[in-house]
C-alpha atoms as a PDB file:
ATOM      1  CA  UNK A   1     -27.920 -42.168  32.514  1.00  0.00           C
ATOM      2  CA  UNK A   2     -29.439 -44.419  29.820  1.00  0.00           C
ATOM      3  CA  UNK A   3     -28.155 -47.889  28.935  1.00  0.00           C
ATOM      4  CA  UNK A   4     -30.150 -49.863  26.415  1.00  0.00           C
ATOM      5  CA  UNK A   5     -29.580 -53.267  24.828  1.00  0.00           C
ATOM      6  CA  UNK A   6     -32.192 -53.932  22.193  1.00  0.00           C
ATOM      7  CA  UNK A   7     -32.775 -55.053  18.650  1.00  0.00           C
ATOM      8  CA  UNK A   8     -35.629 -52.611  18.196  1.00  0.00           C
ATOM      9  CA  UNK A   9     -36.929 -49.604  20.092  1.00  0.00           C
ATOM     10  CA  UNK A  10     -39.823 -50.197  22.524  1.00  0.00           C
ATOM     11  CA  UNK A  11     -42.853 -48.019  21.724  1.00  0.00           C
ATOM     12  CA  UNK A  12     -42.376 -45.623  24.657  1.00  0.00           C
ATOM     13  CA  UNK A  13     -38.641 -45.094  24.351  1.00  0.00           C
ATOM     14  CA  UNK A  14     -38.775 -42.799  21.359  1.00  0.00           C
ATOM     15  CA  UNK A  15     -40.894 -40.358  23.357  1.00  0.00           C
ATOM     16  CA  UNK A  16     -37.884 -39.509  25.546  1.00  0.00           C
ATOM     17  CA  UNK A  17     -34.739 -39.054  23.507  1.00  0.00           C
ATOM     18  CA  UNK A  18     -31.573 -39.702  25.582  1.00  0.00           C
ATOM     19  CA  UNK A  19     -29.771 -36.833  23.892  1.00  0.00           C
ATOM     20  CA  UNK A  20     -32.388 -34.380  25.117  1.00  0.00           C
ATOM     21  CA  UNK A  21     -32.658 -35.763  28.636  1.00  0.00           C
ATOM     22  CA  UNK A  22     -29.843 -33.688  30.109  1.00  0.00           C
ATOM     23  CA  UNK A  23     -31.450 -30.553  28.702  1.00  0.00           C
ATOM     24  CA  UNK A  24     -34.834 -31.520  30.124  1.00  0.00           C
ATOM     25  CA  UNK A  25     -33.318 -32.321  33.526  1.00  0.00           C
ATOM     26  CA  UNK A  26     -31.507 -28.971  33.667  1.00  0.00           C
ATOM     27  CA  UNK A  27     -34.714 -27.215  32.676  1.00  0.00           C
ATOM     28  CA  UNK A  28     -36.587 -29.017  35.443  1.00  0.00           C
ATOM     29  CA  UNK A  29     -34.031 -27.881  38.024  1.00  0.00           C
ATOM     30  CA  UNK A  30     -34.219 -24.291  36.809  1.00  0.00           C
ATOM     31  CA  UNK A  31     -38.019 -24.427  36.867  1.00  0.00           C
ATOM     32  CA  UNK A  32     -37.952 -25.798  40.410  1.00  0.00           C
ATOM     33  CA  UNK A  33     -35.681 -22.993  41.581  1.00  0.00           C
ATOM     34  CA  UNK A  34     -37.837 -20.386  39.836  1.00  0.00           C
ATOM     35  CA  UNK A  35     -40.920 -21.873  41.484  1.00  0.00           C
ATOM     36  CA  UNK A  36     -39.186 -21.697  44.864  1.00  0.00           C
ATOM     37  CA  UNK A  37     -38.386 -18.023  44.329  1.00  0.00           C
ATOM     38  CA  UNK A  38     -41.993 -17.327  43.315  1.00  0.00           C
ATOM     39  CA  UNK A  39     -43.279 -19.173  46.368  1.00  0.00           C
ATOM     40  CA  UNK A  40     -41.035 -17.106  48.636  1.00  0.00           C
ATOM     41  CA  UNK A  41     -42.339 -13.857  47.153  1.00  0.00           C
ATOM     42  CA  UNK A  42     -45.964 -14.966  47.425  1.00  0.00           C
ATOM     43  CA  UNK A  43     -45.426 -16.226  50.972  1.00  0.00           C
ATOM     44  CA  UNK A  44     -43.970 -12.894  52.090  1.00  0.00           C
ATOM     45  CA  UNK A  45     -46.897 -11.068  50.517  1.00  0.00           C
ATOM     46  CA  UNK A  46     -49.380 -13.442  52.168  1.00  0.00           C
ATOM     47  CA  UNK A  47     -47.698 -12.970  55.549  1.00  0.00           C
ATOM     48  CA  UNK A  48     -47.786  -9.212  55.146  1.00  0.00           C
ATOM     49  CA  UNK A  49     -51.486  -9.267  54.289  1.00  0.00           C
ATOM     50  CA  UNK A  50     -52.476 -11.666  57.047  1.00  0.00           C
ATOM     51  CA  UNK A  51     -50.344 -10.073  59.758  1.00  0.00           C
ATOM     52  CA  UNK A  52     -51.000  -6.412  59.066  1.00  0.00           C
ATOM     53  CA  UNK A  53     -53.103  -4.392  61.496  1.00  0.00           C
ATOM     54  CA  UNK A  54     -56.846  -4.825  61.025  1.00  0.00           C
ATOM     55  CA  UNK A  55     -59.547  -2.202  61.476  1.00  0.00           C
ATOM     56  CA  UNK A  56     -60.172  -3.570  64.949  1.00  0.00           C
ATOM     57  CA  UNK A  57     -56.523  -2.976  65.859  1.00  0.00           C
ATOM     58  CA  UNK A  58     -56.567   0.560  64.524  1.00  0.00           C
ATOM     59  CA  UNK A  59     -59.798   1.378  66.332  1.00  0.00           C
ATOM     60  CA  UNK A  60     -58.676  -0.180  69.593  1.00  0.00           C
ATOM     61  CA  UNK A  61     -55.113   1.153  69.387  1.00  0.00           C
ATOM     62  CA  UNK A  62     -53.989  -1.810  71.501  1.00  0.00           C
ATOM     63  CA  UNK A  63     -50.167  -1.737  71.777  1.00  0.00           C
ATOM     64  CA  UNK A  64     -50.078  -5.229  73.309  1.00  0.00           C
ATOM     65  CA  UNK A  65     -51.764  -6.833  70.321  1.00  0.00           C
ATOM     66  CA  UNK A  66     -49.689  -4.806  67.897  1.00  0.00           C
ATOM     67  CA  UNK A  67     -46.468  -5.893  69.617  1.00  0.00           C
ATOM     68  CA  UNK A  68     -47.539  -9.554  69.543  1.00  0.00           C
ATOM     69  CA  UNK A  69     -48.426  -9.318  65.861  1.00  0.00           C
ATOM     70  CA  UNK A  70     -45.125  -7.598  65.154  1.00  0.00           C
ATOM     71  CA  UNK A  71     -43.130 -10.387  66.805  1.00  0.00           C
ATOM     72  CA  UNK A  72     -45.114 -13.085  64.973  1.00  0.00           C
ATOM     73  CA  UNK A  73     -44.551 -11.311  61.656  1.00  0.00           C
ATOM     74  CA  UNK A  74     -40.839 -10.914  62.382  1.00  0.00           C
ATOM     75  CA  UNK A  75     -40.532 -14.634  63.078  1.00  0.00           C
ATOM     76  CA  UNK A  76     -42.354 -15.509  59.863  1.00  0.00           C
ATOM     77  CA  UNK A  77     -40.279 -13.154  57.698  1.00  0.00           C
ATOM     78  CA  UNK A  78     -37.058 -14.407  59.312  1.00  0.00           C
ATOM     79  CA  UNK A  79     -38.099 -17.984  58.547  1.00  0.00           C
ATOM     80  CA  UNK A  80     -38.705 -17.116  54.884  1.00  0.00           C
ATOM     81  CA  UNK A  81     -35.325 -15.353  54.765  1.00  0.00           C
ATOM     82  CA  UNK A  82     -33.617 -18.439  56.230  1.00  0.00           C
ATOM     83  CA  UNK A  83     -35.309 -20.601  53.593  1.00  0.00           C
ATOM     84  CA  UNK A  84     -34.132 -18.281  50.812  1.00  0.00           C
ATOM     85  CA  UNK A  85     -30.561 -18.343  52.128  1.00  0.00           C
ATOM     86  CA  UNK A  86     -30.633 -22.131  52.355  1.00  0.00           C
ATOM     87  CA  UNK A  87     -31.904 -22.323  48.779  1.00  0.00           C
ATOM     88  CA  UNK A  88     -29.164 -19.989  47.567  1.00  0.00           C
ATOM     89  CA  UNK A  89     -26.500 -22.032  49.378  1.00  0.00           C
ATOM     90  CA  UNK A  90     -27.832 -25.241  47.833  1.00  0.00           C
ATOM     91  CA  UNK A  91     -27.808 -23.713  44.373  1.00  0.00           C
ATOM     92  CA  UNK A  92     -24.199 -22.660  44.844  1.00  0.00           C
ATOM     93  CA  UNK A  93     -23.247 -26.113  46.124  1.00  0.00           C
ATOM     94  CA  UNK A  94     -24.913 -27.905  43.204  1.00  0.00           C
ATOM     95  CA  UNK A  95     -23.384 -25.508  40.686  1.00  0.00           C
ATOM     96  CA  UNK A  96     -19.787 -25.251  41.916  1.00  0.00           C
ATOM     97  CA  UNK A  97     -19.044 -27.703  44.734  1.00  0.00           C
ATOM     98  CA  UNK A  98     -20.882 -31.014  44.496  1.00  0.00           C
ATOM     99  CA  UNK A  99     -20.673 -33.266  41.467  1.00  0.00           C
ATOM    100  CA  UNK A 100     -21.399 -36.783  40.321  1.00  0.00           C
ATOM    101  CA  UNK A 101     -24.032 -38.877  42.041  1.00  0.00           C
ATOM    102  CA  UNK A 102     -23.960 -36.684  45.143  1.00  0.00           C
ATOM    103  CA  UNK A 103     -25.314 -33.837  43.032  1.00  0.00           C
ATOM    104  CA  UNK A 104     -28.467 -35.802  42.291  1.00  0.00           C
ATOM    105  CA  UNK A 105     -28.954 -36.618  45.966  1.00  0.00           C
ATOM    106  CA  UNK A 106     -28.548 -32.967  46.926  1.00  0.00           C
ATOM    107  CA  UNK A 107     -31.016 -31.819  44.258  1.00  0.00           C
ATOM    108  CA  UNK A 108     -33.551 -34.315  45.566  1.00  0.00           C
ATOM    109  CA  UNK A 109     -33.031 -33.127  49.132  1.00  0.00           C
ATOM    110  CA  UNK A 110     -33.249 -29.426  48.234  1.00  0.00           C
ATOM    111  CA  UNK A 111     -36.913 -28.914  49.271  1.00  0.00           C
ATOM    112  CA  UNK A 112     -36.334 -30.721  52.567  1.00  0.00           C
ATOM    113  CA  UNK A 113     -33.189 -28.737  53.402  1.00  0.00           C
ATOM    114  CA  UNK A 114     -34.993 -25.463  52.678  1.00  0.00           C
ATOM    115  CA  UNK A 115     -37.940 -26.633  54.782  1.00  0.00           C
ATOM    116  CA  UNK A 116     -35.686 -27.558  57.712  1.00  0.00           C
ATOM    117  CA  UNK A 117     -34.080 -24.111  57.558  1.00  0.00           C
ATOM    118  CA  UNK A 118     -37.538 -22.548  57.748  1.00  0.00           C
ATOM    119  CA  UNK A 119     -38.473 -24.732  60.719  1.00  0.00           C
ATOM    120  CA  UNK A 120     -35.229 -23.861  62.494  1.00  0.00           C
ATOM    121  CA  UNK A 121     -35.946 -20.151  62.210  1.00  0.00           C
ATOM    122  CA  UNK A 122     -39.495 -20.688  63.492  1.00  0.00           C
ATOM    123  CA  UNK A 123     -38.132 -22.645  66.453  1.00  0.00           C
ATOM    124  CA  UNK A 124     -35.755 -19.819  67.381  1.00  0.00           C
ATOM    125  CA  UNK A 125     -38.605 -17.328  67.094  1.00  0.00           C
ATOM    126  CA  UNK A 126     -40.842 -19.350  69.407  1.00  0.00           C
ATOM    127  CA  UNK A 127     -38.070 -19.844  71.962  1.00  0.00           C
ATOM    128  CA  UNK A 128     -37.450 -16.084  72.045  1.00  0.00           C
ATOM    129  CA  UNK A 129     -41.126 -15.170  72.384  1.00  0.00           C
ATOM    130  CA  UNK A 130     -41.397 -12.260  74.893  1.00  0.00           C
ATOM    131  CA  UNK A 131     -42.567 -13.224  78.357  1.00  0.00           C
ATOM    132  CA  UNK A 132     -45.261 -11.184  80.134  1.00  0.00           C
ATOM    133  CA  UNK A 133     -43.876  -8.332  82.256  1.00  0.00           C
ATOM    134  CA  UNK A 134     -47.099  -7.429  84.011  1.00  0.00           C
ATOM    135  CA  UNK A 135     -47.611  -7.890  87.753  1.00  0.00           C
ATOM    136  CA  UNK A 136     -50.714 -10.008  87.123  1.00  0.00           C
ATOM    137  CA  UNK A 137     -50.198 -13.007  84.861  1.00  0.00           C
ATOM    138  CA  UNK A 138     -52.758 -15.400  83.413  1.00  0.00           C
ATOM    139  CA  UNK A 139     -52.454 -19.005  82.341  1.00  0.00           C
ATOM    140  CA  UNK A 140     -54.849 -21.639  81.079  1.00  0.00           C
ATOM    141  CA  UNK A 141     -55.971 -24.296  83.534  1.00  0.00           C
ATOM    142  CA  UNK A 142     -55.477 -27.018  80.888  1.00  0.00           C
ATOM    143  CA  UNK A 143     -52.078 -27.297  79.195  1.00  0.00           C
ATOM    144  CA  UNK A 144     -52.215 -26.555  75.467  1.00  0.00           C
ATOM    145  CA  UNK A 145     -51.060 -29.196  72.998  1.00  0.00           C
ATOM    146  CA  UNK A 146     -50.020 -29.168  69.361  1.00  0.00           C
ATOM    147  CA  UNK A 147     -53.495 -30.435  68.429  1.00  0.00           C
ATOM    148  CA  UNK A 148     -55.032 -27.330  70.015  1.00  0.00           C
ATOM    149  CA  UNK A 149     -53.046 -24.837  67.917  1.00  0.00           C
ATOM    150  CA  UNK A 150     -52.515 -26.703  64.633  1.00  0.00           C
ATOM    151  CA  UNK A 151     -55.138 -26.497  61.859  1.00  0.00           C
ATOM    152  CA  UNK A 152     -56.447 -30.040  61.688  1.00  0.00           C
ATOM    153  CA  UNK A 153     -56.713 -30.311  57.911  1.00  0.00           C
ATOM    154  CA  UNK A 154     -53.291 -28.803  57.253  1.00  0.00           C
ATOM    155  CA  UNK A 155     -51.688 -31.052  59.846  1.00  0.00           C
ATOM    156  CA  UNK A 156     -53.246 -34.132  58.282  1.00  0.00           C
ATOM    157  CA  UNK A 157     -52.105 -32.994  54.850  1.00  0.00           C
ATOM    158  CA  UNK A 158     -48.544 -32.627  56.136  1.00  0.00           C
ATOM    159  CA  UNK A 159     -48.536 -36.118  57.607  1.00  0.00           C
ATOM    160  CA  UNK A 160     -50.099 -37.547  54.440  1.00  0.00           C
ATOM    161  CA  UNK A 161     -47.442 -35.986  52.219  1.00  0.00           C
ATOM    162  CA  UNK A 162     -44.687 -37.333  54.463  1.00  0.00           C
ATOM    163  CA  UNK A 163     -46.242 -40.806  54.257  1.00  0.00           C
ATOM    164  CA  UNK A 164     -46.418 -40.437  50.467  1.00  0.00           C
ATOM    165  CA  UNK A 165     -42.707 -39.607  50.263  1.00  0.00           C
ATOM    166  CA  UNK A 166     -41.843 -42.671  52.348  1.00  0.00           C
ATOM    167  CA  UNK A 167     -44.181 -44.848  50.260  1.00  0.00           C
ATOM    168  CA  UNK A 168     -42.652 -43.636  47.003  1.00  0.00           C
ATOM    169  CA  UNK A 169     -39.171 -44.296  48.393  1.00  0.00           C
ATOM    170  CA  UNK A 170     -40.129 -47.868  49.324  1.00  0.00           C
ATOM    171  CA  UNK A 171     -41.792 -48.541  45.968  1.00  0.00           C
ATOM    172  CA  UNK A 172     -38.816 -47.062  44.155  1.00  0.00           C
ATOM    173  CA  UNK A 173     -36.404 -49.126  46.202  1.00  0.00           C
ATOM    174  CA  UNK A 174     -38.296 -52.361  45.508  1.00  0.00           C
ATOM    175  CA  UNK A 175     -38.571 -51.723  41.768  1.00  0.00           C
ATOM    176  CA  UNK A 176     -35.095 -50.307  41.127  1.00  0.00           C
ATOM    177  CA  UNK A 177     -32.161 -52.226  39.737  1.00  0.00           C
ATOM    178  CA  UNK A 178     -29.258 -53.567  41.734  1.00  0.00           C
ATOM    179  CA  UNK A 179     -27.515 -50.178  41.669  1.00  0.00           C
ATOM    180  CA  UNK A 180     -30.469 -48.539  43.432  1.00  0.00           C
ATOM    181  CA  UNK A 181     -30.706 -45.688  40.958  1.00  0.00           C
ATOM    182  CA  UNK A 182     -32.073 -47.129  37.697  1.00  0.00           C
ATOM    183  CA  UNK A 183     -35.053 -49.129  36.486  1.00  0.00           C
ATOM    184  CA  UNK A 184     -35.027 -51.976  33.959  1.00  0.00           C
ATOM    185  CA  UNK A 185     -37.747 -53.460  31.768  1.00  0.00           C
ATOM    186  CA  UNK A 186     -37.371 -56.785  30.010  1.00  0.00           C
ATOM    187  CA  UNK A 187     -39.818 -57.524  27.192  1.00  0.00           C
ATOM    188  CA  UNK A 188     -38.884 -60.635  25.297  1.00  0.00           C
ATOM    189  CA  UNK A 189     -35.411 -60.129  23.846  1.00  0.00           C
ATOM    190  CA  UNK A 190     -35.554 -56.355  24.552  1.00  0.00           C
ATOM    191  CA  UNK A 191     -33.977 -54.998  27.738  1.00  0.00           C
ATOM    192  CA  UNK A 192     -34.215 -51.294  28.552  1.00  0.00           C
ATOM    193  CA  UNK A 193     -32.594 -49.553  31.515  1.00  0.00           C
ATOM    194  CA  UNK A 194     -33.074 -45.886  32.413  1.00  0.00           C
ATOM    195  CA  UNK A 195     -32.141 -43.525  35.229  1.00  0.00           C
ATOM    196  CA  UNK A 196     -31.953 -41.593  37.434  1.00  0.00           C
ATOM    197  CA  UNK A 197     -34.625 -43.548  39.279  1.00  0.00           C
ATOM    198  CA  UNK A 198     -35.538 -43.056  42.965  1.00  0.00           C
ATOM    199  CA  UNK A 199     -34.368 -46.432  44.229  1.00  0.00           C
ATOM    200  CA  UNK A 200     -32.709 -47.032  47.577  1.00  0.00           C
ATOM    201  CA  UNK A 201     -29.717 -44.909  46.561  1.00  0.00           C
ATOM    202  CA  UNK A 202     -31.910 -41.782  46.493  1.00  0.00           C
ATOM    203  CA  UNK A 203     -35.043 -42.935  48.291  1.00  0.00           C
ATOM    204  CA  UNK A 204     -33.379 -43.660  51.619  1.00  0.00           C
ATOM    205  CA  UNK A 205     -32.272 -40.042  51.929  1.00  0.00           C
ATOM    206  CA  UNK A 206     -35.646 -38.715  50.779  1.00  0.00           C
ATOM    207  CA  UNK A 207     -37.545 -40.845  53.295  1.00  0.00           C
ATOM    208  CA  UNK A 208     -35.213 -39.754  56.096  1.00  0.00           C
ATOM    209  CA  UNK A 209     -35.704 -36.115  55.104  1.00  0.00           C
ATOM    210  CA  UNK A 210     -39.501 -36.542  55.204  1.00  0.00           C
ATOM    211  CA  UNK A 211     -39.324 -38.006  58.709  1.00  0.00           C
ATOM    212  CA  UNK A 212     -37.078 -35.153  59.873  1.00  0.00           C
ATOM    213  CA  UNK A 213     -39.459 -32.566  58.409  1.00  0.00           C
ATOM    214  CA  UNK A 214     -42.493 -34.015  60.190  1.00  0.00           C
ATOM    215  CA  UNK A 215     -40.587 -34.369  63.455  1.00  0.00           C
ATOM    216  CA  UNK A 216     -39.310 -30.806  63.172  1.00  0.00           C
ATOM    217  CA  UNK A 217     -42.771 -29.437  62.417  1.00  0.00           C
ATOM    218  CA  UNK A 218     -44.283 -31.280  65.380  1.00  0.00           C
ATOM    219  CA  UNK A 219     -41.539 -29.953  67.634  1.00  0.00           C
ATOM    220  CA  UNK A 220     -42.154 -26.362  66.533  1.00  0.00           C
ATOM    221  CA  UNK A 221     -45.909 -26.822  67.006  1.00  0.00           C
ATOM    222  CA  UNK A 222     -45.269 -27.821  70.602  1.00  0.00           C
ATOM    223  CA  UNK A 223     -43.193 -24.694  71.074  1.00  0.00           C
ATOM    224  CA  UNK A 224     -46.079 -22.638  69.680  1.00  0.00           C
ATOM    225  CA  UNK A 225     -48.496 -24.315  72.093  1.00  0.00           C
ATOM    226  CA  UNK A 226     -46.260 -23.792  75.139  1.00  0.00           C
ATOM    227  CA  UNK A 227     -44.976 -20.283  74.490  1.00  0.00           C
ATOM    228  CA  UNK A 228     -45.888 -17.553  77.020  1.00  0.00           C
ATOM    229  CA  UNK A 229     -49.383 -16.136  76.663  1.00  0.00           C
ATOM    230  CA  UNK A 230     -49.848 -12.586  75.423  1.00  0.00           C
ATOM    231  CA  UNK A 231     -50.672 -10.498  78.490  1.00  0.00           C
ATOM    232  CA  UNK A 232     -53.866  -8.459  78.814  1.00  0.00           C
ATOM    233  CA  UNK A 233     -55.649  -9.952  75.809  1.00  0.00           C
ATOM    234  CA  UNK A 234     -58.552 -12.336  75.481  1.00  0.00           C
ATOM    235  CA  UNK A 235     -57.715 -16.045  75.574  1.00  0.00           C
ATOM    236  CA  UNK A 236     -59.395 -16.529  72.191  1.00  0.00           C
ATOM    237  CA  UNK A 237     -57.190 -13.850  70.616  1.00  0.00           C
ATOM    238  CA  UNK A 238     -54.033 -15.444  72.041  1.00  0.00           C
ATOM    239  CA  UNK A 239     -55.144 -18.827  70.714  1.00  0.00           C
ATOM    240  CA  UNK A 240     -55.873 -17.273  67.325  1.00  0.00           C
ATOM    241  CA  UNK A 241     -52.345 -15.885  67.174  1.00  0.00           C
ATOM    242  CA  UNK A 242     -50.937 -19.306  68.023  1.00  0.00           C
ATOM    243  CA  UNK A 243     -53.014 -20.910  65.274  1.00  0.00           C
ATOM    244  CA  UNK A 244     -51.717 -18.339  62.798  1.00  0.00           C
ATOM    245  CA  UNK A 245     -48.138 -19.264  63.764  1.00  0.00           C
ATOM    246  CA  UNK A 246     -48.923 -22.984  63.500  1.00  0.00           C
ATOM    247  CA  UNK A 247     -50.499 -22.397  60.086  1.00  0.00           C
ATOM    248  CA  UNK A 248     -47.287 -20.776  58.811  1.00  0.00           C
ATOM    249  CA  UNK A 249     -45.181 -23.638  60.162  1.00  0.00           C
ATOM    250  CA  UNK A 250     -47.335 -26.309  58.558  1.00  0.00           C
ATOM    251  CA  UNK A 251     -47.800 -24.664  55.186  1.00  0.00           C
ATOM    252  CA  UNK A 252     -44.023 -24.366  54.772  1.00  0.00           C
ATOM    253  CA  UNK A 253     -43.538 -27.983  55.823  1.00  0.00           C
ATOM    254  CA  UNK A 254     -46.200 -29.306  53.470  1.00  0.00           C
ATOM    255  CA  UNK A 255     -44.634 -27.334  50.621  1.00  0.00           C
ATOM    256  CA  UNK A 256     -41.268 -29.016  51.193  1.00  0.00           C
ATOM    257  CA  UNK A 257     -42.905 -32.437  51.440  1.00  0.00           C
ATOM    258  CA  UNK A 258     -45.172 -31.809  48.457  1.00  0.00           C
ATOM    259  CA  UNK A 259     -42.287 -30.772  46.217  1.00  0.00           C
ATOM    260  CA  UNK A 260     -40.242 -33.760  47.409  1.00  0.00           C
ATOM    261  CA  UNK A 261     -43.097 -36.151  46.632  1.00  0.00           C
ATOM    262  CA  UNK A 262     -43.758 -34.509  43.260  1.00  0.00           C
ATOM    263  CA  UNK A 263     -40.072 -34.622  42.334  1.00  0.00           C
ATOM    264  CA  UNK A 264     -39.724 -38.259  43.369  1.00  0.00           C
ATOM    265  CA  UNK A 265     -42.818 -39.287  41.434  1.00  0.00           C
ATOM    266  CA  UNK A 266     -41.914 -37.221  38.375  1.00  0.00           C
ATOM    267  CA  UNK A 267     -38.316 -38.442  38.091  1.00  0.00           C
ATOM    268  CA  UNK A 268     -39.342 -42.040  38.705  1.00  0.00           C
ATOM    269  CA  UNK A 269     -42.153 -41.908  36.156  1.00  0.00           C
ATOM    270  CA  UNK A 270     -39.877 -40.274  33.601  1.00  0.00           C
ATOM    271  CA  UNK A 271     -37.283 -43.006  33.956  1.00  0.00           C
ATOM    272  CA  UNK A 272     -39.936 -45.716  33.811  1.00  0.00           C
ATOM    273  CA  UNK A 273     -41.404 -44.214  30.630  1.00  0.00           C
ATOM    274  CA  UNK A 274     -37.978 -44.090  28.985  1.00  0.00           C
ATOM    275  CA  UNK A 275     -37.432 -47.718  29.941  1.00  0.00           C
ATOM    276  CA  UNK A 276     -40.615 -48.568  28.051  1.00  0.00           C
ATOM    277  CA  UNK A 277     -43.236 -48.993  30.776  1.00  0.00           C
ATOM    278  CA  UNK A 278     -46.601 -48.037  29.255  1.00  0.00           C
ATOM    279  CA  UNK A 279     -48.677 -45.417  31.043  1.00  0.00           C
ATOM    280  CA  UNK A 280     -45.791 -44.064  33.122  1.00  0.00           C
ATOM    281  CA  UNK A 281     -46.070 -40.676  31.428  1.00  0.00           C
ATOM    282  CA  UNK A 282     -49.422 -40.160  33.162  1.00  0.00           C
ATOM    283  CA  UNK A 283     -47.619 -40.161  36.521  1.00  0.00           C
ATOM    284  CA  UNK A 284     -45.567 -37.185  35.372  1.00  0.00           C
ATOM    285  CA  UNK A 285     -48.803 -35.224  35.020  1.00  0.00           C
ATOM    286  CA  UNK A 286     -49.829 -36.371  38.503  1.00  0.00           C
ATOM    287  CA  UNK A 287     -46.501 -35.094  39.842  1.00  0.00           C
ATOM    288  CA  UNK A 288     -47.062 -31.674  38.266  1.00  0.00           C
ATOM    289  CA  UNK A 289     -50.569 -31.462  39.755  1.00  0.00           C
ATOM    290  CA  UNK A 290     -49.172 -32.405  43.155  1.00  0.00           C
ATOM    291  CA  UNK A 291     -46.534 -29.672  42.985  1.00  0.00           C
ATOM    292  CA  UNK A 292     -49.091 -27.050  41.937  1.00  0.00           C
ATOM    293  CA  UNK A 293     -51.395 -28.093  44.786  1.00  0.00           C
ATOM    294  CA  UNK A 294     -48.574 -27.731  47.312  1.00  0.00           C
ATOM    295  CA  UNK A 295     -47.850 -24.216  46.039  1.00  0.00           C
ATOM    296  CA  UNK A 296     -51.565 -23.326  46.175  1.00  0.00           C
ATOM    297  CA  UNK A 297     -51.708 -24.322  49.833  1.00  0.00           C
ATOM    298  CA  UNK A 298     -48.652 -22.289  50.810  1.00  0.00           C
ATOM    299  CA  UNK A 299     -50.063 -18.994  49.519  1.00  0.00           C
ATOM    300  CA  UNK A 300     -53.220 -19.329  51.572  1.00  0.00           C
ATOM    301  CA  UNK A 301     -53.133 -16.601  54.261  1.00  0.00           C
ATOM    302  CA  UNK A 302     -52.948 -17.513  57.923  1.00  0.00           C
ATOM    303  CA  UNK A 303     -56.078 -17.033  60.081  1.00  0.00           C
ATOM    304  CA  UNK A 304     -56.588 -13.640  61.724  1.00  0.00           C
ATOM    305  CA  UNK A 305     -56.655 -13.618  65.562  1.00  0.00           C
ATOM    306  CA  UNK A 306     -59.418 -10.970  65.505  1.00  0.00           C
ATOM    307  CA  UNK A 307     -61.600 -13.384  63.548  1.00  0.00           C
ATOM    308  CA  UNK A 308     -60.995 -15.986  66.254  1.00  0.00           C
ATOM    309  CA  UNK A 309     -62.306 -13.569  68.860  1.00  0.00           C
ATOM    310  CA  UNK A 310     -65.405 -12.837  66.803  1.00  0.00           C
ATOM    311  CA  UNK A 311     -66.075 -16.541  66.292  1.00  0.00           C
ATOM    312  CA  UNK A 312     -65.733 -17.151  70.017  1.00  0.00           C
ATOM    313  CA  UNK A 313     -68.190 -14.325  70.712  1.00  0.00           C
ATOM    314  CA  UNK A 314     -65.764 -12.585  73.073  1.00  0.00           C
ATOM    315  CA  UNK A 315     -64.776  -8.939  73.401  1.00  0.00           C
ATOM    316  CA  UNK A 316     -61.139  -8.267  72.356  1.00  0.00           C
ATOM    317  CA  UNK A 317     -60.219  -6.720  75.680  1.00  0.00           C
ATOM    318  CA  UNK A 318     -62.172  -8.985  78.023  1.00  0.00           C
ATOM    319  CA  UNK A 319     -60.392 -11.219  80.486  1.00  0.00           C
ATOM    320  CA  UNK A 320     -61.085 -14.704  79.141  1.00  0.00           C
ATOM    321  CA  UNK A 321     -62.705 -17.340  81.285  1.00  0.00           C
ATOM    322  CA  UNK A 322     -60.999 -20.577  82.112  1.00  0.00           C
ATOM    323  CA  UNK A 323     -57.726 -18.885  83.050  1.00  0.00           C
ATOM    324  CA  UNK A 324     -55.882 -18.870  86.332  1.00  0.00           C
ATOM    325  CA  UNK A 325     -54.524 -15.532  87.527  1.00  0.00           C
ATOM    326  CA  UNK A 326     -51.376 -15.190  89.598  1.00  0.00           C
END
């Protein structure tokens, strides 16, 4: 949408021709969907590499560890599959079902909806984690928390991206026009209005989605921390497996939040540039960098539980200290 009342073109308006905007917007949507598909493929490959049996597993031939790895891998692959299905359903809805202004809202919410589907599958996987069937069971003397299992840096990144989405929604809402979906610039006798712009009409939903993503991720992290311990393995190995699960939960969440933030910033900067605000084009570059960074984080493999044992200086089959046996 572009409405302009002017006697002469502002300097920045001719950089974004209204006739080409629809083509550019469609290309951006296609590029986003292609990026999502690429991320899914890379994530599956990363999960397969990080969850496959190591030399220590082959040498030890430990069926307990193999079974635990297998369940963790199944949960991760199922979560990716749920995300792919959610993305396909959204694409179908945007293409054939939803139209008008609701279509723009749904496109903006696409990363969050896919991320929530991934978190839902992870939650089901953690709730169905096999319980120990041995006569002797072990448990830690101190209850585990989400902070114990979650990678600190990745958790902070997730929270920071959620805060960025909320901040962008607030800034967009305060700078948007009365309709909540466009931005206007008045320079002398020249008035330029451009959209779509992430004002309250779009930003409210985006901020709510960011809050739901963070809340969902924190809930799944608590399930990871409280799930039954793997029987007959070292406490460090069990904790390493939990951290690998938490890593997969957080990297998917940060991807959804990162793409939401990048999309909000990019669309808002594009509209501002077409309205004639100088320097707004630079924010489009920032949005692209943000999206690429989010993708780079998601393809990073999860930590290996065997490496956790080596770092703790414990033998893989030793009975870990600090555990109560019943």
